[in-house]
Amino acid sequence: MAFNGVGRYSLSAPNDTGINIDFAGTDHGSQWIMADPVGIGAFKVDHQTKERYLEGGQLKVIYRVNVQCVRDDGIGGIFTLQGGGNV
């Protein structure tokens, strides 16, 4: 499964933030997640995580990623999330 344009986030350099993606708790297999700059921007992603957990007796899945603004001029940027499954 591929996804594009998930959310809209603003981040200033050199800050980072953790973001959760929840496809209504459903499991979409292994997913990679990237920050997709809107306009000018440079972002690094790390700590991509897939977590399975029980909620009300049902198995749920959440995907997580950490995004850091890495522009060296101190200016931040806006980004959405894009990604897809491993084939």
N, C-alpha and C. Protein backbone atom coordinates (compact mmCIF):
# COMPACT_ATOMS: atom_id res chain seq x y z
N MET A 1 0.84 -1.17 0.00
CA MET A 1 0.00 0.00 0.00
C MET A 1 0.88 1.23 0.00
N ALA A 2 0.64 2.17 -0.87
CA ALA A 2 1.36 3.44 -0.90
C ALA A 2 0.46 4.55 -0.36
N PHE A 3 1.11 5.58 0.19
CA PHE A 3 0.35 6.74 0.67
C PHE A 3 1.15 8.00 0.36
N ASN A 4 0.44 9.10 0.18
CA ASN A 4 1.07 10.36 -0.19
C ASN A 4 0.24 11.51 0.39
N GLY A 5 0.92 12.57 0.83
CA GLY A 5 0.22 13.75 1.32
C GLY A 5 -0.46 13.55 2.66
N VAL A 6 0.08 12.68 3.50
CA VAL A 6 -0.52 12.44 4.82
C VAL A 6 -0.11 13.56 5.76
N GLY A 7 -1.08 14.26 6.31
CA GLY A 7 -0.82 15.35 7.24
C GLY A 7 -0.18 16.55 6.58
N ARG A 8 0.08 17.56 7.36
CA ARG A 8 0.81 18.76 6.93
C ARG A 8 1.46 19.32 8.18
N TYR A 9 2.78 19.31 8.19
CA TYR A 9 3.54 19.63 9.38
C TYR A 9 4.53 20.76 9.10
N SER A 10 4.83 21.53 10.13
CA SER A 10 5.81 22.61 10.05
C SER A 10 6.87 22.35 11.10
N LEU A 11 8.13 22.51 10.72
CA LEU A 11 9.22 22.21 11.64
C LEU A 11 10.38 23.16 11.38
N SER A 12 10.92 23.74 12.44
CA SER A 12 12.07 24.64 12.29
C SER A 12 13.36 23.89 12.59
N ALA A 13 14.45 24.33 11.95
CA ALA A 13 15.76 23.71 12.16
C ALA A 13 16.32 24.12 13.50
N PRO A 14 16.99 23.25 14.21
CA PRO A 14 17.27 21.83 13.95
C PRO A 14 16.31 20.90 14.70
N ASN A 15 15.09 21.33 14.92
CA ASN A 15 14.14 20.57 15.73
C ASN A 15 13.68 19.28 15.06
N ASP A 16 13.14 18.38 15.89
CA ASP A 16 12.57 17.14 15.39
C ASP A 16 11.26 16.87 16.09
N THR A 17 10.49 15.96 15.52
CA THR A 17 9.19 15.60 16.09
C THR A 17 8.87 14.15 15.75
N GLY A 18 8.14 13.50 16.64
CA GLY A 18 7.65 12.15 16.37
C GLY A 18 6.23 12.22 15.85
N ILE A 19 5.94 11.40 14.84
CA ILE A 19 4.61 11.41 14.22
C ILE A 19 4.09 9.97 14.16
N ASN A 20 2.82 9.81 14.53
CA ASN A 20 2.15 8.51 14.44
C ASN A 20 1.24 8.48 13.22
N ILE A 21 1.23 7.35 12.54
CA ILE A 21 0.29 7.13 11.44
C ILE A 21 -0.53 5.91 11.80
N ASP A 22 -1.83 6.08 11.79
CA ASP A 22 -2.75 5.02 12.19
C ASP A 22 -3.78 4.83 11.09
N PHE A 23 -3.70 3.73 10.38
CA PHE A 23 -4.66 3.43 9.32
C PHE A 23 -5.87 2.73 9.93
N ALA A 24 -6.54 3.43 10.85
CA ALA A 24 -7.70 2.90 11.58
C ALA A 24 -7.33 1.61 12.30
N GLY A 25 -6.05 1.48 12.71
CA GLY A 25 -5.58 0.33 13.46
C GLY A 25 -5.30 -0.90 12.64
N THR A 26 -5.48 -0.82 11.30
CA THR A 26 -5.27 -2.00 10.46
C THR A 26 -3.79 -2.16 10.11
N ASP A 27 -3.41 -3.40 9.85
CA ASP A 27 -2.03 -3.76 9.55
C ASP A 27 -1.81 -3.70 8.04
N HIS A 28 -0.91 -2.84 7.61
CA HIS A 28 -0.57 -2.71 6.19
C HIS A 28 0.81 -3.27 5.88
N GLY A 29 1.26 -4.21 6.70
CA GLY A 29 2.57 -4.83 6.49
C GLY A 29 3.69 -3.83 6.77
N SER A 30 4.87 -4.15 6.28
CA SER A 30 6.02 -3.26 6.47
C SER A 30 5.83 -2.01 5.62
N GLN A 31 6.05 -0.85 6.23
CA GLN A 31 5.90 0.43 5.54
C GLN A 31 7.14 1.29 5.78
N TRP A 32 7.61 1.96 4.76
CA TRP A 32 8.64 2.98 4.95
C TRP A 32 7.95 4.33 4.87
N ILE A 33 8.47 5.30 5.60
CA ILE A 33 7.85 6.61 5.70
C ILE A 33 8.90 7.68 5.44
N MET A 34 8.59 8.64 4.58
CA MET A 34 9.51 9.75 4.28
C MET A 34 8.79 11.08 4.48
N ALA A 35 9.57 12.10 4.83
CA ALA A 35 9.05 13.47 4.86
C ALA A 35 9.17 14.04 3.46
N ASP A 36 8.09 14.54 2.92
CA ASP A 36 8.05 15.08 1.56
C ASP A 36 7.90 16.61 1.66
N PRO A 37 9.00 17.37 1.42
CA PRO A 37 8.92 18.83 1.57
C PRO A 37 7.87 19.45 0.66
N VAL A 38 7.17 20.43 1.21
CA VAL A 38 6.25 21.27 0.44
C VAL A 38 7.02 22.56 0.18
N GLY A 39 7.50 22.75 -1.04
CA GLY A 39 8.37 23.88 -1.32
C GLY A 39 9.79 23.57 -0.89
N ILE A 40 10.49 24.56 -0.38
CA ILE A 40 11.88 24.40 0.04
C ILE A 40 11.92 23.72 1.40
N GLY A 41 12.81 22.76 1.56
CA GLY A 41 12.94 22.08 2.84
C GLY A 41 13.90 20.92 2.76
N ALA A 42 14.44 20.54 3.90
CA ALA A 42 15.32 19.37 4.00
C ALA A 42 15.01 18.68 5.32
N PHE A 43 14.64 17.41 5.25
CA PHE A 43 14.22 16.68 6.43
C PHE A 43 14.87 15.31 6.45
N LYS A 44 15.19 14.86 7.65
CA LYS A 44 15.76 13.53 7.86
C LYS A 44 14.76 12.71 8.66
N VAL A 45 14.56 11.46 8.29
CA VAL A 45 13.68 10.58 9.06
C VAL A 45 14.50 9.46 9.69
N ASP A 46 14.08 9.06 10.89
CA ASP A 46 14.70 7.92 11.54
C ASP A 46 13.71 7.32 12.53
N HIS A 47 14.12 6.29 13.18
CA HIS A 47 13.30 5.61 14.18
C HIS A 47 11.93 5.21 13.64
N GLN A 48 11.92 4.64 12.44
CA GLN A 48 10.65 4.14 11.90
C GLN A 48 10.27 2.88 12.67
N THR A 49 9.04 2.85 13.13
CA THR A 49 8.59 1.78 14.01
C THR A 49 7.20 1.31 13.61
N LYS A 50 7.00 0.01 13.70
CA LYS A 50 5.67 -0.56 13.57
C LYS A 50 5.37 -1.26 14.89
N GLU A 51 4.25 -0.91 15.50
CA GLU A 51 3.89 -1.50 16.79
C GLU A 51 2.54 -2.18 16.70
N ARG A 52 2.49 -3.40 17.17
CA ARG A 52 1.22 -4.13 17.31
C ARG A 52 0.84 -4.11 18.78
N TYR A 53 -0.44 -3.87 19.05
CA TYR A 53 -0.91 -3.82 20.43
C TYR A 53 -2.36 -4.28 20.48
N LEU A 54 -2.78 -4.66 21.67
CA LEU A 54 -4.17 -5.08 21.88
C LEU A 54 -4.98 -3.92 22.41
N GLU A 55 -6.15 -3.74 21.81
CA GLU A 55 -7.10 -2.73 22.28
C GLU A 55 -8.48 -3.37 22.29
N GLY A 56 -9.06 -3.49 23.46
CA GLY A 56 -10.38 -4.12 23.56
C GLY A 56 -10.39 -5.54 23.04
N GLY A 57 -9.28 -6.24 23.21
CA GLY A 57 -9.19 -7.62 22.75
C GLY A 57 -8.89 -7.76 21.26
N GLN A 58 -8.75 -6.65 20.54
CA GLN A 58 -8.45 -6.70 19.11
C GLN A 58 -7.02 -6.23 18.86
N LEU A 59 -6.36 -6.89 17.91
CA LEU A 59 -5.00 -6.52 17.53
C LEU A 59 -5.04 -5.27 16.67
N LYS A 60 -4.29 -4.25 17.05
CA LYS A 60 -4.21 -2.98 16.31
C LYS A 60 -2.76 -2.73 15.93
N VAL A 61 -2.54 -1.86 14.93
CA VAL A 61 -1.20 -1.51 14.47
C VAL A 61 -1.08 0.00 14.33
N ILE A 62 0.06 0.53 14.76
CA ILE A 62 0.37 1.94 14.57
C ILE A 62 1.79 2.03 14.01
N TYR A 63 2.00 2.98 13.12
CA TYR A 63 3.31 3.22 12.53
C TYR A 63 3.82 4.56 13.08
N ARG A 64 5.13 4.62 13.36
CA ARG A 64 5.72 5.84 13.92
C ARG A 64 6.99 6.19 13.16
N VAL A 65 7.29 7.49 13.13
CA VAL A 65 8.52 7.97 12.51
C VAL A 65 8.95 9.24 13.23
N ASN A 66 10.24 9.48 13.28
CA ASN A 66 10.79 10.73 13.82
C ASN A 66 11.32 11.53 12.63
N VAL A 67 10.97 12.82 12.57
CA VAL A 67 11.40 13.70 11.47
C VAL A 67 12.18 14.87 12.05
N GLN A 68 13.33 15.18 11.44
CA GLN A 68 14.15 16.31 11.86
C GLN A 68 14.38 17.25 10.69
N CYS A 69 14.24 18.56 10.93
CA CYS A 69 14.56 19.56 9.92
C CYS A 69 16.08 19.74 9.93
N VAL A 70 16.72 19.54 8.79
CA VAL A 70 18.19 19.56 8.72
C VAL A 70 18.73 20.69 7.84
N ARG A 71 17.93 21.71 7.62
CA ARG A 71 18.44 22.86 6.86
C ARG A 71 19.54 23.54 7.64
N ASP A 72 20.62 23.93 6.98
CA ASP A 72 21.75 24.53 7.68
C ASP A 72 21.65 26.05 7.78
N ASP A 73 20.59 26.64 7.25
CA ASP A 73 20.44 28.10 7.34
C ASP A 73 19.51 28.51 8.48
N GLY A 74 19.08 27.55 9.30
CA GLY A 74 18.24 27.85 10.45
C GLY A 74 16.78 28.07 10.13
N ILE A 75 16.43 28.00 8.85
CA ILE A 75 15.04 28.19 8.44
C ILE A 75 14.35 26.83 8.37
N GLY A 76 13.13 26.78 8.79
CA GLY A 76 12.39 25.53 8.78
C GLY A 76 11.68 25.29 7.47
N GLY A 77 10.68 24.45 7.52
CA GLY A 77 9.92 24.12 6.32
C GLY A 77 8.65 23.37 6.67
N ILE A 78 7.89 23.12 5.64
CA ILE A 78 6.62 22.41 5.74
C ILE A 78 6.78 21.09 4.98
N PHE A 79 6.16 20.04 5.51
CA PHE A 79 6.24 18.74 4.84
C PHE A 79 4.97 17.94 5.09
N THR A 80 4.75 16.98 4.21
CA THR A 80 3.73 15.95 4.41
C THR A 80 4.48 14.62 4.50
N LEU A 81 3.75 13.55 4.74
CA LEU A 81 4.37 12.23 4.78
C LEU A 81 3.99 11.42 3.56
N GLN A 82 4.96 10.66 3.08
CA GLN A 82 4.78 9.83 1.90
C GLN A 82 5.48 8.51 2.18
N GLY A 83 4.97 7.44 1.63
CA GLY A 83 5.63 6.16 1.83
C GLY A 83 4.90 5.02 1.17
N GLY A 84 5.32 3.84 1.54
CA GLY A 84 4.71 2.66 0.95
C GLY A 84 5.28 1.40 1.54
N GLY A 85 4.79 0.30 1.04
CA GLY A 85 5.21 -1.00 1.55
C GLY A 85 6.41 -1.56 0.86
N ASN A 86 7.08 -2.44 1.56
CA ASN A 86 8.21 -3.15 0.98
C ASN A 86 7.67 -4.28 0.11
N VAL A 87 8.24 -4.43 -1.06
CA VAL A 87 7.77 -5.47 -1.98
C VAL A 87 8.82 -6.54 -2.11
